[in-house]
Amino acid sequence: MLRIRARGNESVEQMLKRFKKLCEKEGLTKEIKRNSYYEKPSERRRRQMRKAVRQALRKERTETAR
């Protein structure tokens, strides 16, 4: 559970901005978006495979650039 405490004379808008940044940093917004609709297991595996391929290509490019 995320908690935000007011710092001195901090306004509500500033606290809300800090809270949103913290949620983004924790990956909470991505998790909510991912769970907002049903994803078939085959689609999930396909998405994970595409992500793994992209990461491998990116890693290969950075290693060859050195």
Protein backbone atom coordinates (compact mmCIF):
# COMPACT_ATOMS: atom_id res chain seq x y z
CA MET A 1 0.00 0.00 0.00
CA LEU A 2 1.35 3.39 -0.99
CA ARG A 3 1.16 6.27 1.44
CA ILE A 4 1.94 9.90 0.87
CA ARG A 5 2.44 12.32 3.73
CA ALA A 6 2.25 16.08 3.36
CA ARG A 7 5.57 17.87 3.44
CA GLY A 8 5.38 21.23 5.17
CA ASN A 9 3.15 23.60 3.18
CA GLU A 10 2.67 21.18 0.28
CA SER A 11 -0.58 21.59 -1.63
CA VAL A 12 -2.96 18.77 -2.52
CA GLU A 13 -2.00 19.08 -6.19
CA GLN A 14 1.68 18.58 -5.34
CA MET A 15 0.85 15.57 -3.17
CA LEU A 16 -1.26 14.09 -5.96
CA LYS A 17 1.60 14.60 -8.43
CA ARG A 18 4.00 12.79 -6.08
CA PHE A 19 1.49 9.98 -5.61
CA LYS A 20 1.08 9.52 -9.36
CA LYS A 21 4.84 9.43 -9.85
CA LEU A 22 5.18 6.84 -7.10
CA CYS A 23 2.44 4.69 -8.65
CA GLU A 24 4.17 4.91 -12.02
CA LYS A 25 7.52 3.99 -10.48
CA GLU A 26 6.03 0.96 -8.72
CA GLY A 27 4.43 -0.22 -11.96
CA LEU A 28 0.95 0.00 -10.48
CA THR A 29 -0.60 1.79 -13.45
CA LYS A 30 0.72 -0.82 -15.91
CA GLU A 31 -0.66 -3.59 -13.72
CA ILE A 32 -4.09 -1.97 -13.58
CA LYS A 33 -4.19 -1.45 -17.34
CA ARG A 34 -3.09 -5.03 -17.95
CA ASN A 35 -5.79 -6.40 -15.64
CA SER A 36 -8.55 -4.16 -16.96
CA TYR A 37 -9.44 -6.70 -19.64
CA TYR A 38 -9.04 -10.44 -20.08
CA GLU A 39 -6.03 -11.61 -22.06
CA LYS A 40 -5.98 -15.13 -23.37
CA PRO A 41 -3.01 -17.21 -22.21
CA SER A 42 -1.84 -17.65 -25.81
CA GLU A 43 -1.87 -13.87 -26.31
CA ARG A 44 0.04 -13.38 -23.06
CA ARG A 45 2.74 -15.86 -24.19
CA ARG A 46 2.93 -14.17 -27.60
CA ARG A 47 3.34 -10.74 -25.98
CA GLN A 48 6.05 -12.04 -23.64
CA MET A 49 7.92 -13.65 -26.54
CA ARG A 50 7.83 -10.40 -28.53
CA LYS A 51 9.14 -8.55 -25.48
CA ALA A 52 11.97 -11.08 -25.03
CA VAL A 53 12.96 -10.78 -28.69
CA ARG A 54 13.02 -6.98 -28.50
CA GLN A 55 15.15 -7.07 -25.35
CA ALA A 56 17.58 -9.57 -26.89
CA LEU A 57 17.97 -7.44 -30.02
CA ARG A 58 18.47 -4.30 -27.94
CA LYS A 59 21.08 -6.04 -25.80
CA GLU A 60 22.87 -7.34 -28.90
CA ARG A 61 22.96 -3.85 -30.44
CA THR A 62 24.43 -2.30 -27.31
CA GLU A 63 27.08 -5.01 -27.00
CA THR A 64 28.19 -4.70 -30.63
CA ALA A 65 28.35 -0.90 -30.38
CA ARG A 66 31.06 -1.12 -27.70
